[in-house]
N, C-alpha and C. Protein backbone atom coordinates (compact mmCIF):
# COMPACT_ATOMS: atom_id res chain seq x y z
N UNK A 1 95.54 123.06 102.28
CA UNK A 1 94.62 122.44 101.35
C UNK A 1 93.53 121.73 102.16
N UNK A 2 92.31 121.99 101.83
CA UNK A 2 91.21 121.37 102.59
C UNK A 2 91.00 119.93 102.13
N UNK A 3 90.43 119.09 102.98
CA UNK A 3 90.24 117.68 102.62
C UNK A 3 89.23 117.46 101.49
N UNK A 4 88.51 118.51 101.08
CA UNK A 4 87.52 118.35 100.03
C UNK A 4 88.05 118.66 98.63
N UNK A 5 89.32 119.02 98.52
CA UNK A 5 89.87 119.34 97.21
C UNK A 5 90.01 118.07 96.38
N UNK A 6 90.08 118.25 95.08
CA UNK A 6 90.19 117.10 94.18
C UNK A 6 91.43 116.27 94.48
N UNK A 7 92.49 116.91 94.95
CA UNK A 7 93.73 116.17 95.23
C UNK A 7 93.53 115.17 96.36
N UNK A 8 92.57 115.39 97.19
CA UNK A 8 92.32 114.50 98.33
C UNK A 8 91.18 113.52 98.10
N UNK A 9 90.46 113.71 97.03
CA UNK A 9 89.29 112.88 96.77
C UNK A 9 89.71 111.52 96.23
N UNK A 10 89.24 110.47 96.84
CA UNK A 10 89.55 109.11 96.40
C UNK A 10 88.83 108.81 95.09
N UNK A 11 89.40 107.88 94.33
CA UNK A 11 88.79 107.45 93.09
C UNK A 11 87.71 106.42 93.41
N UNK A 12 86.55 106.61 92.82
CA UNK A 12 85.47 105.64 93.01
C UNK A 12 85.54 104.60 91.89
N UNK A 13 84.82 103.52 92.07
CA UNK A 13 84.75 102.47 91.06
C UNK A 13 84.15 103.04 89.77
N UNK A 14 83.13 103.88 89.91
CA UNK A 14 82.50 104.49 88.74
C UNK A 14 83.47 105.40 87.99
N UNK A 15 84.25 106.17 88.73
CA UNK A 15 85.24 107.05 88.09
C UNK A 15 86.30 106.22 87.36
N UNK A 16 86.72 105.14 87.97
CA UNK A 16 87.72 104.28 87.34
C UNK A 16 87.17 103.68 86.05
N UNK A 17 85.92 103.25 86.08
CA UNK A 17 85.27 102.69 84.89
C UNK A 17 85.18 103.75 83.79
N UNK A 18 84.79 104.96 84.18
CA UNK A 18 84.68 106.04 83.20
C UNK A 18 86.06 106.39 82.64
N UNK A 19 87.09 106.38 83.49
CA UNK A 19 88.46 106.62 83.03
C UNK A 19 88.84 105.58 81.97
N UNK A 20 88.60 104.32 82.26
CA UNK A 20 88.90 103.25 81.31
C UNK A 20 88.16 103.45 79.98
N UNK A 21 86.87 103.80 80.08
CA UNK A 21 86.07 104.01 78.87
C UNK A 21 86.59 105.18 78.04
N UNK A 22 86.94 106.27 78.72
CA UNK A 22 87.44 107.44 78.01
C UNK A 22 88.80 107.18 77.37
N UNK A 23 89.64 106.41 78.05
CA UNK A 23 90.93 106.04 77.47
C UNK A 23 90.74 105.20 76.21
N UNK A 24 89.82 104.24 76.28
CA UNK A 24 89.54 103.40 75.12
C UNK A 24 88.99 104.21 73.96
N UNK A 25 88.28 105.29 74.28
CA UNK A 25 87.71 106.15 73.25
C UNK A 25 88.76 107.10 72.66
N UNK A 26 89.97 107.07 73.22
CA UNK A 26 91.06 107.89 72.68
C UNK A 26 91.08 109.32 73.18
N UNK A 27 90.42 109.57 74.28
CA UNK A 27 90.39 110.93 74.84
C UNK A 27 91.74 111.28 75.45
N UNK A 28 92.05 112.57 75.48
CA UNK A 28 93.30 113.05 76.06
C UNK A 28 93.12 113.28 77.56
N UNK A 29 94.23 113.43 78.25
CA UNK A 29 94.17 113.67 79.70
C UNK A 29 93.36 114.92 80.04
N UNK A 30 93.55 116.04 79.34
CA UNK A 30 92.72 117.21 79.66
C UNK A 30 91.22 116.97 79.42
N UNK A 31 90.89 116.22 78.38
CA UNK A 31 89.48 115.90 78.12
C UNK A 31 88.92 115.01 79.22
N UNK A 32 89.70 114.02 79.62
CA UNK A 32 89.28 113.12 80.70
C UNK A 32 89.13 113.90 82.00
N UNK A 33 90.08 114.79 82.26
CA UNK A 33 90.05 115.59 83.49
C UNK A 33 88.76 116.41 83.56
N UNK A 34 88.37 117.00 82.45
CA UNK A 34 87.13 117.77 82.42
C UNK A 34 85.93 116.88 82.69
N UNK A 35 85.90 115.72 82.06
CA UNK A 35 84.77 114.81 82.23
C UNK A 35 84.65 114.31 83.66
N UNK A 36 85.79 114.10 84.32
CA UNK A 36 85.79 113.56 85.69
C UNK A 36 85.92 114.64 86.76
N UNK A 37 85.97 115.89 86.32
CA UNK A 37 86.13 117.03 87.24
C UNK A 37 87.37 116.86 88.11
N UNK A 38 88.48 116.55 87.44
CA UNK A 38 89.78 116.43 88.08
C UNK A 38 90.78 117.21 87.25
N UNK A 39 92.00 117.31 87.72
CA UNK A 39 93.03 118.03 86.97
C UNK A 39 93.73 117.06 86.02
N UNK A 40 94.31 117.59 84.93
CA UNK A 40 95.09 116.72 84.05
C UNK A 40 96.23 116.04 84.82
N UNK A 41 96.84 116.76 85.76
CA UNK A 41 97.91 116.17 86.56
C UNK A 41 97.38 115.00 87.38
N UNK A 42 96.17 115.11 87.88
CA UNK A 42 95.56 114.02 88.63
C UNK A 42 95.32 112.80 87.76
N UNK A 43 94.96 113.03 86.51
CA UNK A 43 94.76 111.93 85.57
C UNK A 43 96.09 111.24 85.28
N UNK A 44 97.13 112.05 85.00
CA UNK A 44 98.45 111.48 84.74
C UNK A 44 98.95 110.67 85.94
N UNK A 45 98.74 111.19 87.14
CA UNK A 45 99.18 110.50 88.36
C UNK A 45 98.44 109.17 88.52
N UNK A 46 97.14 109.17 88.26
CA UNK A 46 96.35 107.95 88.37
C UNK A 46 96.82 106.90 87.37
N UNK A 47 97.08 107.34 86.15
CA UNK A 47 97.55 106.41 85.12
C UNK A 47 98.91 105.84 85.48
N UNK A 48 99.76 106.67 86.06
CA UNK A 48 101.08 106.19 86.47
C UNK A 48 100.94 105.15 87.59
N UNK A 49 100.08 105.41 88.56
CA UNK A 49 99.88 104.46 89.66
C UNK A 49 99.31 103.14 89.13
N UNK A 50 98.37 103.23 88.22
CA UNK A 50 97.77 102.01 87.65
C UNK A 50 98.80 101.21 86.87
N UNK A 51 99.66 101.89 86.13
CA UNK A 51 100.69 101.20 85.37
C UNK A 51 101.66 100.48 86.30
N UNK A 52 102.02 101.11 87.39
CA UNK A 52 102.91 100.49 88.37
C UNK A 52 102.25 99.25 88.96
N UNK A 53 100.97 99.36 89.31
CA UNK A 53 100.25 98.22 89.87
C UNK A 53 100.16 97.08 88.86
N UNK A 54 99.92 97.41 87.59
CA UNK A 54 99.82 96.37 86.56
C UNK A 54 101.15 95.67 86.37
N UNK A 55 102.24 96.43 86.39
CA UNK A 55 103.56 95.83 86.22
C UNK A 55 103.88 94.89 87.39
N UNK A 56 103.54 95.30 88.61
CA UNK A 56 103.77 94.43 89.77
C UNK A 56 102.95 93.16 89.67
N UNK A 57 101.70 93.28 89.25
CA UNK A 57 100.84 92.10 89.12
C UNK A 57 101.38 91.16 88.03
N UNK A 58 101.87 91.72 86.94
CA UNK A 58 102.42 90.90 85.87
C UNK A 58 103.67 90.16 86.35
N UNK A 59 104.51 90.85 87.14
CA UNK A 59 105.71 90.19 87.69
C UNK A 59 105.31 89.05 88.62
N UNK A 60 104.29 89.28 89.46
CA UNK A 60 103.83 88.24 90.37
C UNK A 60 103.33 87.02 89.60
N UNK A 61 102.58 87.26 88.54
CA UNK A 61 102.07 86.15 87.72
C UNK A 61 103.22 85.38 87.09
N UNK A 62 104.23 86.09 86.64
CA UNK A 62 105.39 85.45 86.03
C UNK A 62 106.11 84.56 87.04
N UNK A 63 106.27 85.07 88.26
CA UNK A 63 106.92 84.28 89.31
C UNK A 63 106.09 83.05 89.63
N UNK A 64 104.78 83.21 89.70
CA UNK A 64 103.90 82.08 89.98
C UNK A 64 103.98 81.02 88.87
N UNK A 65 104.01 81.48 87.62
CA UNK A 65 104.12 80.53 86.51
C UNK A 65 105.44 79.78 86.54
N UNK A 66 106.52 80.46 86.84
CA UNK A 66 107.82 79.82 86.92
C UNK A 66 107.86 78.81 88.07
N UNK A 67 107.19 79.13 89.17
CA UNK A 67 107.16 78.23 90.32
C UNK A 67 106.36 76.97 89.97
N UNK A 68 105.31 77.11 89.19
CA UNK A 68 104.51 75.95 88.80
C UNK A 68 105.26 75.04 87.82
N UNK A 69 106.15 75.62 87.04
CA UNK A 69 106.92 74.83 86.07
C UNK A 69 107.92 73.91 86.75
N UNK A 70 108.32 74.25 87.94
CA UNK A 70 109.35 73.45 88.65
C UNK A 70 108.80 72.19 89.21
């Protein structure tokens, strides 16, 4: 696989913003993939990574709040 394939291309800030906008508009993964010139699998993978990051951040905030309560 060459380094220029979509699987190797990093997500830009603009692509992330467009992803967020398309999700809010209720678009499906295949529709988003077409708009961003990526594969549906790439969209699913990105969403999974973002969900994991959000869950970790939420856990960190919870730990910080509990520490402040003490």
